[in-house]
Amino acid sequence: MAVESADDRANFLGISDFGLAGTYTPSGGSASTVNGIFDKPSSSIPLDSGELDVDSNTPTFLCETSDVSSAASGDTISISAVGYTVVGVQADGQGMTNLVLELT
């Protein structure tokens, strides 16, 4: 059982604080508005030689599982007028899902 309630999750993801509204569209389905936390962390990956790093980022969108219960690779989401394709779905089993994204 999750420690937080559905109300707690909704408050955390609300657009009045940290959250953003995204337009989520499952493949072959209808679009809906989903609140979540958008993140675009960067990382540096060293090459074998150790002399050069490759910089990368993997955008993600953390939202309530109930809003994206049938999420799958190939679905799309638009956040702040930027389109992304879902390439990974990471449900935590406690009511939250992290969508791994790439630019469309």
N, C-alpha and C. Protein backbone atom coordinates (compact mmCIF):
# COMPACT_ATOMS: atom_id res chain seq x y z
N MET A 1 0.84 -1.17 0.00
CA MET A 1 0.00 0.00 0.00
C MET A 1 0.89 1.25 0.00
N ALA A 2 0.50 2.23 -0.79
CA ALA A 2 1.28 3.46 -0.90
C ALA A 2 1.21 4.26 0.39
N VAL A 3 2.29 4.94 0.69
CA VAL A 3 2.34 5.78 1.88
C VAL A 3 1.47 7.01 1.70
N GLU A 4 1.51 7.57 0.50
CA GLU A 4 0.73 8.78 0.24
C GLU A 4 -0.63 8.41 -0.35
N SER A 5 -1.55 9.35 -0.26
CA SER A 5 -2.88 9.14 -0.81
C SER A 5 -2.96 9.72 -2.22
N ALA A 6 -4.05 9.45 -2.91
CA ALA A 6 -4.27 10.02 -4.23
C ALA A 6 -4.28 11.54 -4.16
N ASP A 7 -4.83 12.10 -3.09
CA ASP A 7 -4.84 13.56 -2.91
C ASP A 7 -3.42 14.09 -2.74
N ASP A 8 -2.59 13.38 -1.99
CA ASP A 8 -1.18 13.78 -1.83
C ASP A 8 -0.47 13.82 -3.17
N ARG A 9 -0.67 12.78 -3.98
CA ARG A 9 -0.03 12.73 -5.29
C ARG A 9 -0.52 13.85 -6.18
N ALA A 10 -1.81 14.11 -6.17
CA ALA A 10 -2.38 15.19 -6.99
C ALA A 10 -1.83 16.55 -6.57
N ASN A 11 -1.68 16.77 -5.28
CA ASN A 11 -1.11 18.04 -4.80
C ASN A 11 0.35 18.17 -5.22
N PHE A 12 1.11 17.10 -5.11
CA PHE A 12 2.53 17.12 -5.47
C PHE A 12 2.71 17.42 -6.95
N LEU A 13 1.85 16.86 -7.79
CA LEU A 13 1.97 17.01 -9.23
C LEU A 13 1.24 18.24 -9.77
N GLY A 14 0.53 18.95 -8.90
CA GLY A 14 -0.27 20.09 -9.33
C GLY A 14 0.56 21.19 -9.98
N ILE A 15 -0.04 21.86 -10.95
CA ILE A 15 0.68 22.88 -11.69
C ILE A 15 0.89 24.16 -10.88
N SER A 16 0.30 24.26 -9.71
CA SER A 16 0.53 25.45 -8.88
C SER A 16 1.87 25.39 -8.17
N ASP A 17 2.50 24.23 -8.13
CA ASP A 17 3.81 24.08 -7.49
C ASP A 17 4.85 23.62 -8.49
N PHE A 18 5.10 22.33 -8.53
CA PHE A 18 6.17 21.77 -9.35
C PHE A 18 5.71 21.22 -10.69
N GLY A 19 4.46 20.89 -10.79
CA GLY A 19 3.96 20.16 -11.95
C GLY A 19 3.72 21.00 -13.19
N LEU A 20 3.63 20.30 -14.29
CA LEU A 20 3.28 20.86 -15.58
C LEU A 20 2.15 20.02 -16.15
N ALA A 21 1.31 20.64 -16.96
CA ALA A 21 0.27 19.89 -17.66
C ALA A 21 0.83 19.40 -18.98
N GLY A 22 0.61 18.15 -19.28
CA GLY A 22 1.02 17.57 -20.56
C GLY A 22 -0.20 17.00 -21.26
N THR A 23 -0.13 16.95 -22.58
CA THR A 23 -1.20 16.33 -23.36
C THR A 23 -0.72 14.95 -23.79
N TYR A 24 -1.26 13.94 -23.13
CA TYR A 24 -0.84 12.56 -23.33
C TYR A 24 -1.79 11.88 -24.30
N THR A 25 -1.21 11.19 -25.31
CA THR A 25 -2.02 10.49 -26.30
C THR A 25 -1.50 9.07 -26.46
N PRO A 26 -2.27 8.09 -25.99
CA PRO A 26 -1.85 6.70 -26.21
C PRO A 26 -1.98 6.35 -27.69
N SER A 27 -1.16 5.45 -28.19
CA SER A 27 -1.24 5.04 -29.59
C SER A 27 -2.66 4.58 -29.93
N GLY A 28 -3.25 5.21 -30.93
CA GLY A 28 -4.59 4.86 -31.34
C GLY A 28 -5.68 5.32 -30.40
N GLY A 29 -5.34 6.16 -29.42
CA GLY A 29 -6.32 6.61 -28.43
C GLY A 29 -6.58 8.10 -28.48
N SER A 30 -7.32 8.57 -27.53
CA SER A 30 -7.68 9.98 -27.43
C SER A 30 -6.75 10.70 -26.47
N ALA A 31 -6.50 11.96 -26.78
CA ALA A 31 -5.63 12.80 -25.95
C ALA A 31 -6.31 13.17 -24.64
N SER A 32 -5.50 13.30 -23.58
CA SER A 32 -6.01 13.76 -22.30
C SER A 32 -4.92 14.59 -21.62
N THR A 33 -5.35 15.47 -20.73
CA THR A 33 -4.41 16.30 -19.99
C THR A 33 -3.96 15.54 -18.74
N VAL A 34 -2.66 15.52 -18.53
CA VAL A 34 -2.05 14.80 -17.41
C VAL A 34 -1.08 15.74 -16.72
N ASN A 35 -1.18 15.85 -15.40
CA ASN A 35 -0.21 16.65 -14.64
C ASN A 35 0.96 15.76 -14.23
N GLY A 36 2.14 16.36 -14.23
CA GLY A 36 3.31 15.59 -13.83
C GLY A 36 4.52 16.48 -13.65
N ILE A 37 5.62 15.87 -13.28
CA ILE A 37 6.89 16.55 -13.09
C ILE A 37 7.78 16.21 -14.28
N PHE A 38 8.13 17.23 -15.06
CA PHE A 38 9.02 17.04 -16.20
C PHE A 38 10.46 17.25 -15.73
N ASP A 39 11.33 16.36 -16.15
CA ASP A 39 12.74 16.48 -15.79
C ASP A 39 13.57 16.13 -17.02
N LYS A 40 14.69 16.81 -17.16
CA LYS A 40 15.58 16.56 -18.29
C LYS A 40 17.01 16.55 -17.78
N PRO A 41 17.33 15.54 -16.97
CA PRO A 41 18.67 15.50 -16.37
C PRO A 41 19.74 15.24 -17.43
N SER A 42 20.89 15.81 -17.22
CA SER A 42 21.99 15.53 -18.14
C SER A 42 23.00 14.63 -17.45
N SER A 43 23.74 13.91 -18.27
CA SER A 43 24.78 13.04 -17.73
C SER A 43 25.95 13.06 -18.70
N SER A 44 27.09 12.74 -18.19
CA SER A 44 28.30 12.71 -18.98
C SER A 44 28.83 11.28 -18.96
N ILE A 45 29.01 10.72 -20.14
CA ILE A 45 29.45 9.34 -20.26
C ILE A 45 30.87 9.33 -20.82
N PRO A 46 31.84 8.82 -20.05
CA PRO A 46 33.21 8.80 -20.56
C PRO A 46 33.39 7.74 -21.64
N LEU A 47 34.13 8.12 -22.68
CA LEU A 47 34.49 7.14 -23.71
C LEU A 47 35.64 6.28 -23.20
N ASP A 48 35.91 5.19 -23.89
CA ASP A 48 36.95 4.25 -23.46
C ASP A 48 38.31 4.91 -23.25
N SER A 49 38.63 5.88 -24.07
CA SER A 49 39.96 6.51 -23.97
C SER A 49 40.10 7.35 -22.71
N GLY A 50 38.96 7.79 -22.15
CA GLY A 50 39.00 8.62 -20.95
C GLY A 50 39.33 10.08 -21.23
N GLU A 51 39.57 10.41 -22.49
CA GLU A 51 39.93 11.77 -22.85
C GLU A 51 38.73 12.62 -23.25
N LEU A 52 37.63 11.98 -23.54
CA LEU A 52 36.47 12.69 -24.04
C LEU A 52 35.20 12.09 -23.45
N ASP A 53 34.29 12.96 -23.06
CA ASP A 53 33.00 12.50 -22.55
C ASP A 53 31.92 12.83 -23.56
N VAL A 54 30.87 12.04 -23.56
CA VAL A 54 29.70 12.31 -24.37
C VAL A 54 28.60 12.76 -23.43
N ASP A 55 28.05 13.93 -23.70
CA ASP A 55 26.96 14.44 -22.87
C ASP A 55 25.63 13.95 -23.43
N SER A 56 24.74 13.63 -22.54
CA SER A 56 23.45 13.10 -22.93
C SER A 56 22.38 13.57 -21.94
N ASN A 57 21.13 13.55 -22.36
CA ASN A 57 20.04 13.77 -21.42
C ASN A 57 18.88 12.87 -21.79
N THR A 58 18.13 12.51 -20.80
CA THR A 58 16.97 11.66 -20.99
C THR A 58 15.78 12.32 -20.31
N PRO A 59 14.91 12.96 -21.09
CA PRO A 59 13.76 13.60 -20.47
C PRO A 59 12.78 12.56 -19.92
N THR A 60 12.16 12.91 -18.80
CA THR A 60 11.17 12.04 -18.17
C THR A 60 9.98 12.86 -17.70
N PHE A 61 8.87 12.19 -17.51
CA PHE A 61 7.65 12.82 -17.01
C PHE A 61 7.06 11.90 -15.96
N LEU A 62 7.09 12.33 -14.69
CA LEU A 62 6.57 11.56 -13.57
C LEU A 62 5.11 11.94 -13.33
N CYS A 63 4.23 10.96 -13.38
CA CYS A 63 2.80 11.25 -13.24
C CYS A 63 2.10 10.10 -12.50
N GLU A 64 0.82 10.29 -12.25
CA GLU A 64 0.05 9.25 -11.58
C GLU A 64 -0.22 8.09 -12.53
N THR A 65 -0.01 6.89 -12.04
CA THR A 65 -0.24 5.70 -12.84
C THR A 65 -1.67 5.66 -13.37
N SER A 66 -2.63 6.08 -12.58
CA SER A 66 -4.02 6.03 -13.02
C SER A 66 -4.28 6.91 -14.25
N ASP A 67 -3.43 7.92 -14.47
CA ASP A 67 -3.59 8.80 -15.64
C ASP A 67 -3.01 8.18 -16.91
N VAL A 68 -2.10 7.23 -16.75
CA VAL A 68 -1.43 6.61 -17.90
C VAL A 68 -1.39 5.09 -17.73
N SER A 69 -2.50 4.53 -17.27
CA SER A 69 -2.52 3.11 -16.88
C SER A 69 -2.17 2.14 -18.00
N SER A 70 -2.39 2.54 -19.24
CA SER A 70 -2.06 1.65 -20.35
C SER A 70 -0.88 2.19 -21.15
N ALA A 71 -0.04 3.00 -20.53
CA ALA A 71 1.10 3.62 -21.22
C ALA A 71 2.02 2.56 -21.83
N ALA A 72 2.51 2.88 -23.03
CA ALA A 72 3.41 1.96 -23.73
C ALA A 72 4.33 2.76 -24.64
N SER A 73 5.44 2.15 -25.00
CA SER A 73 6.34 2.78 -25.96
C SER A 73 5.57 3.11 -27.23
N GLY A 74 5.83 4.29 -27.75
CA GLY A 74 5.14 4.75 -28.96
C GLY A 74 4.04 5.74 -28.68
N ASP A 75 3.58 5.81 -27.43
CA ASP A 75 2.60 6.85 -27.07
C ASP A 75 3.29 8.20 -27.19
N THR A 76 2.53 9.28 -27.20
CA THR A 76 3.12 10.61 -27.30
C THR A 76 2.62 11.50 -26.17
N ILE A 77 3.42 12.52 -25.88
CA ILE A 77 3.02 13.53 -24.90
C ILE A 77 3.63 14.85 -25.33
N SER A 78 2.86 15.90 -25.20
CA SER A 78 3.32 17.25 -25.50
C SER A 78 3.41 18.01 -24.18
N ILE A 79 4.59 18.58 -23.91
CA ILE A 79 4.82 19.32 -22.67
C ILE A 79 5.40 20.67 -23.04
N SER A 80 4.74 21.74 -22.63
CA SER A 80 5.19 23.11 -22.94
C SER A 80 5.42 23.27 -24.44
N ALA A 81 4.49 22.77 -25.24
CA ALA A 81 4.49 22.88 -26.70
C ALA A 81 5.64 22.11 -27.38
N VAL A 82 6.24 21.16 -26.68
CA VAL A 82 7.29 20.32 -27.25
C VAL A 82 6.78 18.88 -27.27
N GLY A 83 6.89 18.23 -28.42
CA GLY A 83 6.40 16.87 -28.56
C GLY A 83 7.45 15.82 -28.23
N TYR A 84 7.02 14.79 -27.50
CA TYR A 84 7.89 13.68 -27.11
C TYR A 84 7.20 12.36 -27.42
N THR A 85 8.00 11.33 -27.65
CA THR A 85 7.52 9.97 -27.79
C THR A 85 7.94 9.19 -26.55
N VAL A 86 7.03 8.39 -26.02
CA VAL A 86 7.35 7.55 -24.86
C VAL A 86 8.21 6.38 -25.36
N VAL A 87 9.37 6.21 -24.74
CA VAL A 87 10.27 5.09 -25.10
C VAL A 87 10.45 4.11 -23.94
N GLY A 88 9.90 4.45 -22.79
CA GLY A 88 9.97 3.55 -21.63
C GLY A 88 8.92 3.93 -20.61
N VAL A 89 8.42 2.93 -19.91
CA VAL A 89 7.41 3.14 -18.87
C VAL A 89 7.89 2.46 -17.60
N GLN A 90 8.06 3.26 -16.53
CA GLN A 90 8.58 2.74 -15.27
C GLN A 90 7.58 2.99 -14.15
N ALA A 91 6.69 2.04 -13.93
CA ALA A 91 5.71 2.14 -12.85
C ALA A 91 6.36 1.68 -11.55
N ASP A 92 6.11 2.43 -10.46
CA ASP A 92 6.74 2.07 -9.19
C ASP A 92 5.89 1.12 -8.34
N GLY A 93 4.70 0.79 -8.79
CA GLY A 93 3.84 -0.11 -8.03
C GLY A 93 3.17 0.56 -6.85
N GLN A 94 3.39 1.86 -6.69
CA GLN A 94 2.82 2.60 -5.57
C GLN A 94 1.94 3.77 -6.03
N GLY A 95 1.61 3.79 -7.32
CA GLY A 95 0.71 4.82 -7.83
C GLY A 95 1.37 5.88 -8.70
N MET A 96 2.68 5.76 -8.93
CA MET A 96 3.38 6.74 -9.77
C MET A 96 4.06 6.01 -10.93
N THR A 97 4.11 6.68 -12.08
CA THR A 97 4.77 6.14 -13.26
C THR A 97 5.69 7.19 -13.86
N ASN A 98 6.87 6.78 -14.20
CA ASN A 98 7.85 7.65 -14.85
C ASN A 98 7.87 7.28 -16.33
N LEU A 99 7.49 8.23 -17.18
CA LEU A 99 7.55 8.00 -18.63
C LEU A 99 8.92 8.48 -19.11
N VAL A 100 9.66 7.62 -19.75
CA VAL A 100 10.95 7.97 -20.34
C VAL A 100 10.67 8.43 -21.77
N LEU A 101 11.20 9.60 -22.12
CA LEU A 101 10.82 10.26 -23.37
C LEU A 101 11.99 10.52 -24.29
N GLU A 102 11.66 10.74 -25.55
CA GLU A 102 12.63 11.28 -26.50
C GLU A 102 11.88 12.27 -27.39
N LEU A 103 12.61 13.26 -27.89
CA LEU A 103 11.99 14.25 -28.76
C LEU A 103 11.36 13.58 -29.97
N THR A 104 10.20 14.08 -30.37
CA THR A 104 9.51 13.53 -31.54
C THR A 104 10.14 14.07 -32.81
